[in-house]
N, C-alpha and C. Protein backbone atom coordinates (compact mmCIF):
# COMPACT_ATOMS: atom_id res chain seq x y z
N MET A 1 8.63 28.24 -17.53
CA MET A 1 8.72 28.04 -16.07
C MET A 1 7.86 29.05 -15.31
N LYS A 2 7.72 30.27 -15.88
CA LYS A 2 6.97 31.31 -15.18
C LYS A 2 5.50 30.94 -14.94
N PRO A 3 4.79 30.36 -15.93
CA PRO A 3 3.41 29.94 -15.66
C PRO A 3 3.31 28.92 -14.54
N LEU A 4 4.29 27.98 -14.47
CA LEU A 4 4.30 26.97 -13.41
C LEU A 4 4.46 27.63 -12.05
N ILE A 5 5.42 28.55 -11.95
CA ILE A 5 5.66 29.26 -10.69
C ILE A 5 4.42 30.05 -10.28
N LYS A 6 3.77 30.69 -11.25
CA LYS A 6 2.57 31.48 -10.97
C LYS A 6 1.48 30.62 -10.36
N VAL A 7 1.18 29.49 -10.99
CA VAL A 7 0.10 28.62 -10.50
C VAL A 7 0.47 28.03 -9.14
N MET A 8 1.71 27.61 -8.97
CA MET A 8 2.13 27.03 -7.69
C MET A 8 2.08 28.06 -6.57
N LEU A 9 2.43 29.30 -6.87
CA LEU A 9 2.36 30.36 -5.86
C LEU A 9 0.92 30.64 -5.46
N ILE A 10 0.02 30.63 -6.43
CA ILE A 10 -1.40 30.84 -6.11
C ILE A 10 -1.92 29.72 -5.21
N LEU A 11 -1.57 28.48 -5.55
CA LEU A 11 -1.96 27.35 -4.71
C LEU A 11 -1.35 27.48 -3.31
N ALA A 12 -0.09 27.89 -3.25
CA ALA A 12 0.59 28.03 -1.96
C ALA A 12 -0.11 29.09 -1.10
N VAL A 13 -0.53 30.18 -1.72
CA VAL A 13 -1.22 31.25 -0.98
C VAL A 13 -2.55 30.74 -0.43
N ILE A 14 -3.25 29.95 -1.23
CA ILE A 14 -4.53 29.39 -0.78
C ILE A 14 -4.32 28.48 0.43
N PHE A 15 -3.34 27.58 0.33
CA PHE A 15 -3.06 26.67 1.45
C PHE A 15 -2.52 27.45 2.66
N ALA A 16 -1.70 28.46 2.41
CA ALA A 16 -1.13 29.26 3.51
C ALA A 16 -2.21 30.00 4.26
N SER A 17 -3.25 30.43 3.56
CA SER A 17 -4.33 31.16 4.23
C SER A 17 -5.03 30.28 5.25
N THR A 18 -5.15 28.97 4.94
CA THR A 18 -5.77 28.06 5.91
C THR A 18 -4.86 27.86 7.12
N PHE A 19 -3.54 27.86 6.87
CA PHE A 19 -2.57 27.72 7.96
C PHE A 19 -2.67 28.93 8.90
N ILE A 20 -2.71 30.12 8.32
CA ILE A 20 -2.80 31.35 9.11
C ILE A 20 -4.11 31.40 9.88
N LEU A 21 -5.20 31.00 9.20
CA LEU A 21 -6.51 31.00 9.85
C LEU A 21 -6.52 30.05 11.05
N GLY A 22 -5.92 28.87 10.87
CA GLY A 22 -5.85 27.91 11.97
C GLY A 22 -5.08 28.44 13.15
N ARG A 23 -3.99 29.18 12.87
CA ARG A 23 -3.19 29.75 13.95
C ARG A 23 -3.92 30.91 14.64
N VAL A 24 -4.57 31.74 13.84
CA VAL A 24 -5.31 32.88 14.41
C VAL A 24 -6.43 32.40 15.32
N LEU A 25 -7.13 31.37 14.87
CA LEU A 25 -8.23 30.82 15.66
C LEU A 25 -7.74 29.93 16.80
N GLY A 26 -6.44 29.61 16.77
CA GLY A 26 -5.87 28.77 17.84
C GLY A 26 -6.37 27.35 17.83
N ILE A 27 -6.67 26.82 16.63
CA ILE A 27 -7.24 25.47 16.54
C ILE A 27 -6.14 24.42 16.38
N LEU A 28 -5.40 24.49 15.29
CA LEU A 28 -4.42 23.44 14.97
C LEU A 28 -3.02 23.83 15.44
N THR A 29 -2.90 24.06 16.74
CA THR A 29 -1.59 24.34 17.31
C THR A 29 -0.94 23.04 17.76
N VAL A 30 0.37 23.09 17.98
CA VAL A 30 1.09 21.90 18.45
C VAL A 30 0.53 21.44 19.79
N GLU A 31 0.21 22.38 20.66
CA GLU A 31 -0.32 22.04 21.98
C GLU A 31 -1.66 21.32 21.87
N ASN A 32 -2.51 21.81 20.97
CA ASN A 32 -3.82 21.18 20.78
C ASN A 32 -3.67 19.76 20.23
N VAL A 33 -2.80 19.62 19.24
CA VAL A 33 -2.58 18.29 18.65
C VAL A 33 -2.10 17.31 19.71
N LYS A 34 -1.15 17.73 20.53
CA LYS A 34 -0.63 16.85 21.57
C LYS A 34 -1.72 16.48 22.58
N SER A 35 -2.53 17.45 22.95
CA SER A 35 -3.60 17.18 23.93
C SER A 35 -4.65 16.24 23.35
N TRP A 36 -4.95 16.38 22.05
CA TRP A 36 -5.91 15.47 21.42
C TRP A 36 -5.38 14.05 21.39
N LEU A 37 -4.11 13.89 21.08
CA LEU A 37 -3.52 12.55 21.04
C LEU A 37 -3.44 11.94 22.43
N GLU A 38 -3.14 12.75 23.43
CA GLU A 38 -3.11 12.25 24.81
C GLU A 38 -4.50 11.80 25.24
N ALA A 39 -5.51 12.59 24.88
CA ALA A 39 -6.89 12.22 25.24
C ALA A 39 -7.30 10.93 24.52
N ALA A 40 -6.90 10.80 23.26
CA ALA A 40 -7.23 9.59 22.50
C ALA A 40 -6.55 8.36 23.10
N GLN A 41 -5.30 8.52 23.56
CA GLN A 41 -4.56 7.41 24.15
C GLN A 41 -5.24 6.93 25.43
N ASN A 42 -5.83 7.85 26.18
CA ASN A 42 -6.50 7.49 27.42
C ASN A 42 -7.76 6.67 27.18
N VAL A 43 -8.31 6.78 25.97
CA VAL A 43 -9.51 6.01 25.63
C VAL A 43 -9.11 4.65 25.06
N ASP A 44 -8.37 4.66 23.94
CA ASP A 44 -7.97 3.42 23.28
C ASP A 44 -6.94 3.76 22.22
N PRO A 45 -5.88 2.94 22.06
CA PRO A 45 -4.87 3.22 21.03
C PRO A 45 -5.45 3.39 19.63
N ILE A 46 -6.56 2.70 19.34
CA ILE A 46 -7.16 2.82 18.01
C ILE A 46 -7.58 4.26 17.73
N TRP A 47 -7.91 4.98 18.80
CA TRP A 47 -8.31 6.38 18.63
C TRP A 47 -7.10 7.26 18.32
N VAL A 48 -5.94 6.87 18.81
CA VAL A 48 -4.71 7.59 18.47
C VAL A 48 -4.42 7.42 16.98
N ILE A 49 -4.55 6.18 16.50
CA ILE A 49 -4.33 5.90 15.08
C ILE A 49 -5.30 6.71 14.23
N THR A 50 -6.56 6.69 14.62
CA THR A 50 -7.59 7.42 13.88
C THR A 50 -7.32 8.91 13.87
N THR A 51 -6.91 9.45 15.02
CA THR A 51 -6.64 10.89 15.13
C THR A 51 -5.44 11.29 14.27
N VAL A 52 -4.39 10.47 14.29
CA VAL A 52 -3.21 10.76 13.46
C VAL A 52 -3.58 10.78 11.99
N ILE A 53 -4.30 9.75 11.56
CA ILE A 53 -4.69 9.66 10.15
C ILE A 53 -5.59 10.84 9.76
N ALA A 54 -6.55 11.14 10.64
CA ALA A 54 -7.49 12.23 10.34
C ALA A 54 -6.78 13.58 10.25
N LEU A 55 -5.86 13.83 11.18
CA LEU A 55 -5.13 15.10 11.17
C LEU A 55 -4.26 15.25 9.93
N LEU A 56 -3.58 14.17 9.55
CA LEU A 56 -2.71 14.24 8.38
C LEU A 56 -3.50 14.29 7.08
N PHE A 57 -4.67 13.67 7.05
CA PHE A 57 -5.55 13.82 5.89
C PHE A 57 -6.08 15.24 5.81
N LEU A 58 -6.40 15.82 6.96
CA LEU A 58 -6.91 17.19 7.01
C LEU A 58 -5.90 18.19 6.46
N ASP A 59 -4.63 17.78 6.43
CA ASP A 59 -3.57 18.66 5.93
C ASP A 59 -3.82 19.07 4.48
N LEU A 60 -4.60 18.30 3.75
CA LEU A 60 -4.94 18.66 2.38
C LEU A 60 -5.78 19.93 2.32
N PHE A 61 -6.56 20.17 3.37
CA PHE A 61 -7.49 21.30 3.36
C PHE A 61 -7.07 22.41 4.32
N VAL A 62 -6.49 22.03 5.45
CA VAL A 62 -6.04 23.00 6.45
C VAL A 62 -4.64 22.59 6.89
N ALA A 63 -3.66 23.47 6.67
CA ALA A 63 -2.27 23.13 6.97
C ALA A 63 -2.10 22.75 8.45
N VAL A 64 -1.47 21.61 8.71
CA VAL A 64 -1.24 21.13 10.07
C VAL A 64 0.26 20.89 10.27
N PRO A 65 0.72 20.83 11.53
CA PRO A 65 2.16 20.57 11.79
C PRO A 65 2.50 19.11 11.53
N THR A 66 2.77 18.79 10.27
CA THR A 66 2.93 17.41 9.83
C THR A 66 4.07 16.68 10.55
N LEU A 67 5.23 17.31 10.63
CA LEU A 67 6.37 16.65 11.26
C LEU A 67 6.10 16.38 12.73
N THR A 68 5.50 17.34 13.41
CA THR A 68 5.18 17.17 14.84
C THR A 68 4.21 16.01 15.04
N ILE A 69 3.20 15.93 14.19
CA ILE A 69 2.21 14.85 14.30
C ILE A 69 2.88 13.49 14.07
N THR A 70 3.79 13.43 13.12
CA THR A 70 4.49 12.17 12.83
C THR A 70 5.37 11.74 14.01
N ILE A 71 6.09 12.70 14.57
CA ILE A 71 6.93 12.39 15.73
C ILE A 71 6.05 11.94 16.91
N LEU A 72 4.94 12.62 17.12
CA LEU A 72 4.03 12.24 18.20
C LEU A 72 3.39 10.87 17.94
N ALA A 73 3.15 10.56 16.66
CA ALA A 73 2.61 9.24 16.33
C ALA A 73 3.59 8.15 16.76
N GLY A 74 4.88 8.38 16.52
CA GLY A 74 5.89 7.43 16.97
C GLY A 74 5.95 7.35 18.48
N PHE A 75 5.80 8.50 19.14
CA PHE A 75 5.87 8.55 20.60
C PHE A 75 4.71 7.78 21.24
N PHE A 76 3.50 8.00 20.74
CA PHE A 76 2.31 7.40 21.36
C PHE A 76 2.06 5.96 20.90
N LEU A 77 2.47 5.63 19.68
CA LEU A 77 2.13 4.32 19.11
C LEU A 77 3.32 3.38 18.96
N GLY A 78 4.54 3.91 19.11
CA GLY A 78 5.71 3.09 18.83
C GLY A 78 6.04 3.18 17.35
N PHE A 79 7.21 2.64 17.00
CA PHE A 79 7.68 2.86 15.62
C PHE A 79 6.83 2.22 14.52
N PRO A 80 6.62 0.90 14.51
CA PRO A 80 5.93 0.35 13.33
C PRO A 80 4.53 0.93 13.15
N LEU A 81 3.78 0.99 14.24
CA LEU A 81 2.40 1.45 14.16
C LEU A 81 2.33 2.95 13.90
N GLY A 82 3.19 3.71 14.56
CA GLY A 82 3.23 5.15 14.34
C GLY A 82 3.59 5.49 12.91
N PHE A 83 4.56 4.75 12.37
CA PHE A 83 4.96 4.94 10.97
C PHE A 83 3.78 4.65 10.05
N ALA A 84 3.11 3.52 10.27
CA ALA A 84 2.01 3.11 9.40
C ALA A 84 0.88 4.13 9.43
N ALA A 85 0.52 4.61 10.63
CA ALA A 85 -0.58 5.57 10.75
C ALA A 85 -0.23 6.88 10.05
N ALA A 86 0.98 7.37 10.29
CA ALA A 86 1.39 8.65 9.69
C ALA A 86 1.49 8.53 8.18
N PHE A 87 2.07 7.44 7.69
CA PHE A 87 2.23 7.27 6.25
C PHE A 87 0.86 7.13 5.58
N PHE A 88 -0.05 6.41 6.21
CA PHE A 88 -1.39 6.27 5.63
C PHE A 88 -2.09 7.62 5.57
N GLY A 89 -1.95 8.41 6.64
CA GLY A 89 -2.58 9.73 6.65
C GLY A 89 -2.04 10.64 5.56
N MET A 90 -0.70 10.68 5.42
CA MET A 90 -0.09 11.51 4.38
C MET A 90 -0.45 11.03 2.98
N THR A 91 -0.48 9.71 2.82
CA THR A 91 -0.81 9.15 1.51
C THR A 91 -2.24 9.46 1.11
N SER A 92 -3.17 9.34 2.06
CA SER A 92 -4.57 9.63 1.76
C SER A 92 -4.76 11.09 1.37
N ALA A 93 -4.04 12.01 2.04
CA ALA A 93 -4.12 13.43 1.69
C ALA A 93 -3.54 13.68 0.31
N ALA A 94 -2.36 13.10 0.05
CA ALA A 94 -1.67 13.34 -1.22
C ALA A 94 -2.48 12.82 -2.41
N PHE A 95 -2.99 11.59 -2.31
CA PHE A 95 -3.70 11.03 -3.45
C PHE A 95 -5.11 11.58 -3.60
N SER A 96 -5.68 12.08 -2.52
CA SER A 96 -6.96 12.80 -2.63
C SER A 96 -6.74 14.10 -3.39
N GLY A 97 -5.66 14.81 -3.04
CA GLY A 97 -5.33 16.04 -3.77
C GLY A 97 -5.06 15.76 -5.23
N TYR A 98 -4.34 14.68 -5.49
CA TYR A 98 -4.06 14.27 -6.88
C TYR A 98 -5.36 13.99 -7.63
N ALA A 99 -6.26 13.23 -7.01
CA ALA A 99 -7.51 12.84 -7.67
C ALA A 99 -8.42 14.05 -7.92
N ILE A 100 -8.53 14.93 -6.93
CA ILE A 100 -9.36 16.13 -7.09
C ILE A 100 -8.83 17.00 -8.24
N SER A 101 -7.51 17.15 -8.29
CA SER A 101 -6.91 17.98 -9.33
C SER A 101 -6.94 17.30 -10.69
N LEU A 102 -6.88 15.99 -10.70
CA LEU A 102 -7.01 15.25 -11.96
C LEU A 102 -8.38 15.51 -12.57
N ARG A 103 -9.38 15.66 -11.70
CA ARG A 103 -10.75 15.88 -12.17
C ARG A 103 -11.00 17.34 -12.55
N TRP A 104 -10.55 18.27 -11.72
CA TRP A 104 -10.88 19.68 -11.95
C TRP A 104 -9.69 20.60 -12.17
N GLY A 105 -8.49 20.08 -12.04
CA GLY A 105 -7.30 20.93 -12.12
C GLY A 105 -7.07 21.57 -13.47
N GLU A 106 -7.39 20.84 -14.54
CA GLU A 106 -7.16 21.38 -15.89
C GLU A 106 -7.99 22.63 -16.11
N LYS A 107 -9.23 22.63 -15.63
CA LYS A 107 -10.09 23.81 -15.75
C LYS A 107 -9.53 24.98 -14.93
N ALA A 108 -9.00 24.66 -13.75
CA ALA A 108 -8.43 25.71 -12.90
C ALA A 108 -7.21 26.34 -13.56
N ILE A 109 -6.36 25.50 -14.17
CA ILE A 109 -5.17 26.03 -14.86
C ILE A 109 -5.59 26.89 -16.06
N SER A 110 -6.62 26.45 -16.78
CA SER A 110 -7.10 27.23 -17.93
C SER A 110 -7.63 28.59 -17.49
N PHE A 111 -8.22 28.63 -16.30
CA PHE A 111 -8.73 29.90 -15.77
C PHE A 111 -7.58 30.82 -15.35
N LEU A 112 -6.54 30.24 -14.75
CA LEU A 112 -5.42 31.04 -14.26
C LEU A 112 -4.43 31.43 -15.36
N VAL A 113 -4.27 30.53 -16.33
CA VAL A 113 -3.33 30.77 -17.44
C VAL A 113 -4.13 30.75 -18.74
N LYS A 114 -4.41 31.91 -19.28
CA LYS A 114 -5.29 32.01 -20.44
C LYS A 114 -4.63 31.52 -21.73
N ASP A 115 -3.36 31.81 -21.90
CA ASP A 115 -2.68 31.48 -23.14
C ASP A 115 -2.39 29.98 -23.24
N GLN A 116 -2.79 29.36 -24.35
CA GLN A 116 -2.61 27.92 -24.50
C GLN A 116 -1.15 27.51 -24.55
N ASN A 117 -0.32 28.32 -25.20
CA ASN A 117 1.11 28.00 -25.27
C ASN A 117 1.76 28.02 -23.88
N GLU A 118 1.32 28.97 -23.05
CA GLU A 118 1.84 29.03 -21.68
C GLU A 118 1.38 27.83 -20.87
N ARG A 119 0.18 27.36 -21.13
CA ARG A 119 -0.30 26.16 -20.42
C ARG A 119 0.53 24.94 -20.82
N ILE A 120 0.86 24.87 -22.09
CA ILE A 120 1.72 23.76 -22.56
C ILE A 120 3.10 23.85 -21.92
N ASN A 121 3.63 25.07 -21.85
CA ASN A 121 4.93 25.28 -21.20
C ASN A 121 4.87 24.89 -19.73
N LEU A 122 3.76 25.19 -19.07
CA LEU A 122 3.57 24.83 -17.66
C LEU A 122 3.63 23.32 -17.49
N ILE A 123 2.89 22.61 -18.33
CA ILE A 123 2.86 21.15 -18.24
C ILE A 123 4.24 20.56 -18.49
N ASN A 124 4.93 21.08 -19.50
CA ASN A 124 6.27 20.58 -19.81
C ASN A 124 7.26 20.89 -18.69
N ALA A 125 7.12 22.08 -18.09
CA ALA A 125 8.02 22.47 -17.00
C ALA A 125 7.83 21.57 -15.79
N PHE A 126 6.56 21.23 -15.48
CA PHE A 126 6.33 20.35 -14.33
C PHE A 126 6.77 18.93 -14.62
N ALA A 127 6.64 18.52 -15.88
CA ALA A 127 7.11 17.18 -16.26
C ALA A 127 8.61 17.04 -16.01
N LYS A 128 9.36 18.15 -16.21
CA LYS A 128 10.81 18.12 -16.00
C LYS A 128 11.19 18.32 -14.54
N SER A 129 10.56 19.30 -13.89
CA SER A 129 10.95 19.66 -12.51
C SER A 129 10.09 18.99 -11.45
N GLY A 130 8.91 18.53 -11.83
CA GLY A 130 7.97 17.97 -10.87
C GLY A 130 8.51 16.81 -10.04
N PRO A 131 9.18 15.84 -10.65
CA PRO A 131 9.69 14.71 -9.86
C PRO A 131 10.57 15.15 -8.69
N ALA A 132 11.51 16.07 -8.95
CA ALA A 132 12.37 16.56 -7.87
C ALA A 132 11.57 17.33 -6.84
N MET A 133 10.61 18.14 -7.30
CA MET A 133 9.76 18.90 -6.37
C MET A 133 8.97 17.98 -5.46
N ILE A 134 8.43 16.91 -6.02
CA ILE A 134 7.64 15.96 -5.23
C ILE A 134 8.52 15.27 -4.18
N MET A 135 9.70 14.83 -4.60
CA MET A 135 10.59 14.12 -3.68
C MET A 135 11.08 15.02 -2.55
N LEU A 136 11.27 16.31 -2.83
CA LEU A 136 11.81 17.24 -1.83
C LEU A 136 10.74 18.09 -1.16
N SER A 137 9.47 17.81 -1.46
CA SER A 137 8.39 18.68 -1.00
C SER A 137 8.25 18.76 0.52
N ARG A 138 8.73 17.73 1.23
CA ARG A 138 8.61 17.76 2.70
C ARG A 138 9.52 18.79 3.35
N ALA A 139 10.34 19.45 2.54
CA ALA A 139 11.23 20.47 3.09
C ALA A 139 10.46 21.69 3.58
N LEU A 140 9.28 21.91 3.01
CA LEU A 140 8.52 23.12 3.32
C LEU A 140 7.06 22.76 3.59
N PRO A 141 6.43 23.45 4.54
CA PRO A 141 4.99 23.26 4.73
C PRO A 141 4.25 23.64 3.45
N ILE A 142 3.11 23.02 3.20
CA ILE A 142 2.23 23.36 2.09
C ILE A 142 2.70 22.77 0.75
N LEU A 143 4.01 22.65 0.54
CA LEU A 143 4.53 22.18 -0.74
C LEU A 143 4.07 20.76 -1.10
N PRO A 144 3.94 19.82 -0.15
CA PRO A 144 3.44 18.50 -0.53
C PRO A 144 2.05 18.56 -1.15
N GLU A 145 1.17 19.40 -0.60
CA GLU A 145 -0.18 19.54 -1.15
C GLU A 145 -0.15 20.21 -2.52
N VAL A 146 0.71 21.22 -2.65
CA VAL A 146 0.82 21.93 -3.93
C VAL A 146 1.30 20.99 -5.03
N THR A 147 2.34 20.19 -4.74
CA THR A 147 2.87 19.29 -5.76
C THR A 147 1.89 18.16 -6.09
N ALA A 148 1.12 17.73 -5.10
CA ALA A 148 0.10 16.70 -5.36
C ALA A 148 -0.95 17.24 -6.32
N CYS A 149 -1.38 18.47 -6.08
CA CYS A 149 -2.38 19.09 -6.95
C CYS A 149 -1.82 19.33 -8.35
N MET A 150 -0.57 19.77 -8.43
CA MET A 150 0.05 20.01 -9.73
C MET A 150 0.22 18.71 -10.51
N ALA A 151 0.56 17.64 -9.81
CA ALA A 151 0.71 16.34 -10.48
C ALA A 151 -0.61 15.89 -11.10
N GLY A 152 -1.70 16.06 -10.36
CA GLY A 152 -3.01 15.70 -10.89
C GLY A 152 -3.45 16.62 -12.01
N ALA A 153 -3.26 17.93 -11.82
CA ALA A 153 -3.71 18.91 -12.81
C ALA A 153 -2.96 18.79 -14.13
N THR A 154 -1.69 18.41 -14.07
CA THR A 154 -0.90 18.26 -15.30
C THR A 154 -0.95 16.83 -15.84
N ARG A 155 -1.74 15.99 -15.19
CA ARG A 155 -1.96 14.61 -15.61
C ARG A 155 -0.69 13.77 -15.63
N MET A 156 0.15 13.96 -14.64
CA MET A 156 1.25 13.03 -14.42
C MET A 156 0.64 11.67 -14.09
N SER A 157 1.22 10.60 -14.61
CA SER A 157 0.65 9.28 -14.34
C SER A 157 0.68 8.99 -12.84
N ILE A 158 -0.34 8.30 -12.37
CA ILE A 158 -0.43 8.03 -10.93
C ILE A 158 0.72 7.15 -10.45
N ALA A 159 1.19 6.24 -11.33
CA ALA A 159 2.33 5.39 -10.95
C ALA A 159 3.59 6.22 -10.76
N LYS A 160 3.80 7.17 -11.66
CA LYS A 160 4.98 8.04 -11.58
C LYS A 160 4.90 8.91 -10.33
N TYR A 161 3.72 9.48 -10.08
CA TYR A 161 3.56 10.30 -8.88
C TYR A 161 3.78 9.47 -7.62
N ALA A 162 3.21 8.27 -7.60
CA ALA A 162 3.35 7.39 -6.43
C ALA A 162 4.81 7.06 -6.15
N LEU A 163 5.58 6.83 -7.21
CA LEU A 163 6.99 6.50 -7.04
C LEU A 163 7.75 7.65 -6.38
N PHE A 164 7.61 8.86 -6.91
CA PHE A 164 8.35 10.00 -6.37
C PHE A 164 7.83 10.40 -4.99
N PHE A 165 6.52 10.24 -4.79
CA PHE A 165 5.95 10.51 -3.47
C PHE A 165 6.54 9.56 -2.43
N ALA A 166 6.62 8.28 -2.77
CA ALA A 166 7.17 7.28 -1.84
C ALA A 166 8.64 7.53 -1.55
N ILE A 167 9.42 7.88 -2.59
CA ILE A 167 10.85 8.14 -2.39
C ILE A 167 11.07 9.28 -1.40
N GLY A 168 10.23 10.30 -1.49
CA GLY A 168 10.39 11.45 -0.61
C GLY A 168 9.74 11.29 0.76
N THR A 169 8.67 10.49 0.83
CA THR A 169 7.87 10.43 2.06
C THR A 169 8.24 9.29 2.99
N VAL A 170 8.55 8.13 2.44
CA VAL A 170 8.85 6.97 3.30
C VAL A 170 10.02 7.24 4.25
N PRO A 171 11.18 7.73 3.76
CA PRO A 171 12.28 8.01 4.70
C PRO A 171 11.92 9.10 5.71
N TYR A 172 11.21 10.12 5.25
CA TYR A 172 10.79 11.23 6.12
C TYR A 172 9.93 10.71 7.28
N VAL A 173 8.90 9.94 6.94
CA VAL A 173 8.00 9.41 7.96
C VAL A 173 8.73 8.41 8.84
N GLY A 174 9.55 7.56 8.22
CA GLY A 174 10.25 6.54 8.99
C GLY A 174 11.18 7.13 10.03
N ILE A 175 11.99 8.11 9.64
CA ILE A 175 12.94 8.74 10.57
C ILE A 175 12.20 9.48 11.67
N ALA A 176 11.16 10.24 11.29
CA ALA A 176 10.41 11.03 12.27
C ALA A 176 9.68 10.14 13.27
N ALA A 177 9.02 9.08 12.77
CA ALA A 177 8.27 8.19 13.66
C ALA A 177 9.21 7.42 14.58
N TYR A 178 10.34 6.96 14.05
CA TYR A 178 11.30 6.24 14.89
C TYR A 178 11.88 7.16 15.96
N ALA A 179 12.21 8.39 15.57
CA ALA A 179 12.74 9.35 16.56
C ALA A 179 11.73 9.60 17.66
N GLY A 180 10.46 9.71 17.28
CA GLY A 180 9.43 9.90 18.29
C GLY A 180 9.29 8.70 19.21
N SER A 181 9.48 7.50 18.65
CA SER A 181 9.31 6.29 19.46
C SER A 181 10.41 6.12 20.51
N ILE A 182 11.58 6.73 20.29
CA ILE A 182 12.67 6.59 21.27
C ILE A 182 12.86 7.88 22.08
N SER A 183 11.91 8.81 21.93
CA SER A 183 11.96 10.06 22.69
C SER A 183 10.99 10.00 23.85
N SER A 184 11.14 10.96 24.75
CA SER A 184 10.23 11.09 25.89
C SER A 184 10.25 12.54 26.33
N PRO A 185 9.28 12.96 27.14
CA PRO A 185 9.31 14.34 27.64
C PRO A 185 10.61 14.67 28.38
N GLU A 186 11.17 13.66 29.05
CA GLU A 186 12.42 13.87 29.78
C GLU A 186 13.64 13.84 28.87
N SER A 187 13.51 13.15 27.71
CA SER A 187 14.63 13.02 26.78
C SER A 187 14.14 13.23 25.34
N PRO A 188 13.90 14.49 24.97
CA PRO A 188 13.35 14.76 23.63
C PRO A 188 14.41 14.89 22.54
N GLN A 189 15.68 14.66 22.90
CA GLN A 189 16.76 14.92 21.94
C GLN A 189 16.62 14.16 20.62
N PRO A 190 16.25 12.86 20.62
CA PRO A 190 16.13 12.16 19.33
C PRO A 190 15.14 12.85 18.38
N ALA A 191 14.01 13.29 18.90
CA ALA A 191 13.01 13.96 18.07
C ALA A 191 13.55 15.29 17.54
N ILE A 192 14.24 16.03 18.40
CA ILE A 192 14.80 17.33 18.00
C ILE A 192 15.86 17.15 16.92
N PHE A 193 16.77 16.20 17.15
CA PHE A 193 17.85 15.96 16.18
C PHE A 193 17.28 15.44 14.86
N ALA A 194 16.26 14.59 14.93
CA ALA A 194 15.65 14.06 13.71
C ALA A 194 15.01 15.18 12.90
N ALA A 195 14.29 16.07 13.59
CA ALA A 195 13.64 17.19 12.89
C ALA A 195 14.68 18.08 12.22
N LEU A 196 15.72 18.43 12.95
CA LEU A 196 16.77 19.28 12.38
C LEU A 196 17.48 18.59 11.22
N GLY A 197 17.79 17.29 11.41
CA GLY A 197 18.47 16.55 10.37
C GLY A 197 17.65 16.42 9.10
N LEU A 198 16.35 16.14 9.25
CA LEU A 198 15.48 16.01 8.09
C LEU A 198 15.42 17.31 7.29
N TYR A 199 15.22 18.41 8.00
CA TYR A 199 15.12 19.68 7.30
C TYR A 199 16.45 20.06 6.66
N LEU A 200 17.56 19.75 7.33
CA LEU A 200 18.88 20.07 6.78
C LEU A 200 19.11 19.32 5.46
N VAL A 201 18.81 18.02 5.46
CA VAL A 201 19.00 17.21 4.25
C VAL A 201 18.09 17.70 3.13
N LEU A 202 16.83 17.98 3.46
CA LEU A 202 15.89 18.42 2.44
C LEU A 202 16.24 19.80 1.89
N TRP A 203 16.68 20.69 2.77
CA TRP A 203 17.07 22.04 2.30
C TRP A 203 18.32 21.98 1.41
N ILE A 204 19.25 21.11 1.76
CA ILE A 204 20.43 20.93 0.89
C ILE A 204 19.99 20.39 -0.46
N GLY A 205 19.04 19.46 -0.43
CA GLY A 205 18.50 18.92 -1.68
C GLY A 205 17.86 20.01 -2.54
N TRP A 206 17.10 20.91 -1.88
CA TRP A 206 16.48 22.01 -2.61
C TRP A 206 17.53 22.95 -3.18
N TYR A 207 18.57 23.20 -2.41
CA TYR A 207 19.65 24.09 -2.89
C TYR A 207 20.31 23.50 -4.13
N LEU A 208 20.61 22.21 -4.11
CA LEU A 208 21.24 21.56 -5.25
C LEU A 208 20.31 21.54 -6.46
N PHE A 209 19.02 21.31 -6.20
CA PHE A 209 18.04 21.30 -7.28
C PHE A 209 17.93 22.67 -7.94
N LYS A 210 17.85 23.72 -7.13
CA LYS A 210 17.74 25.09 -7.67
C LYS A 210 19.01 25.47 -8.42
N ARG A 211 20.16 25.05 -7.90
CA ARG A 211 21.43 25.36 -8.57
C ARG A 211 21.50 24.66 -9.92
N LYS A 212 21.09 23.39 -9.96
CA LYS A 212 21.10 22.64 -11.21
C LYS A 212 20.15 23.26 -12.22
N THR A 213 18.96 23.68 -11.73
CA THR A 213 17.96 24.30 -12.61
C THR A 213 18.47 25.61 -13.17
N ALA A 214 19.14 26.41 -12.32
CA ALA A 214 19.67 27.69 -12.75
C ALA A 214 20.75 27.51 -13.82
N VAL A 215 21.60 26.50 -13.64
CA VAL A 215 22.66 26.23 -14.61
C VAL A 215 22.06 25.83 -15.96
N LYS A 216 21.00 25.02 -15.94
CA LYS A 216 20.36 24.60 -17.18
C LYS A 216 19.73 25.78 -17.91
N GLN A 217 19.15 26.72 -17.14
CA GLN A 217 18.52 27.88 -17.77
C GLN A 217 19.56 28.80 -18.41
N LEU A 218 20.77 28.85 -17.83
CA LEU A 218 21.82 29.69 -18.37
C LEU A 218 22.51 29.06 -19.59
N ALA A 219 22.43 27.72 -19.62
CA ALA A 219 23.12 27.00 -20.72
C ALA A 219 22.46 27.23 -22.08
């Protein structure tokens, strides 16, 4: 398990550095995202869809406020369209990360983990814990990108990754986009409650997962 944690932490640090850089430069703030979507709406709804997809795809390279963008997608586009745009954006980022890591991830792991037995242990550890990590990855920023890269680098089948990605992402996007569609600046409570509820459920899921993993290690 230690080699897996090591590689995932290194990936997390790399993604986190882009998040910090974006905040320091004041580029990908919530205020900026909202102003871009408002400007796009004033031109044509298709530009809102394009902006949502582009921002969520960009999350693969530069950490963005994913939940906020999804809620705003519901607010500006309505539920069905907002859901579709946000889900397409997240899917394109996730499977791009998977594909890139499928191509070059094995070499990266070999560079970071020199011992062959440890690399085998890493692959086996992700095969066991990866499905739960993928399904619960929306609980934390950066984790969806990390798990996508790990899935590709460890050569998890694309069908298996797609299944666990969908289980974790479809409800997340659906609830957030719907909450945004029934919210307004005067009545933001649905969006607030949805955000809190999503994180609460996901964090409980992570707690149960960690507890189960700890029990197995002690057994």
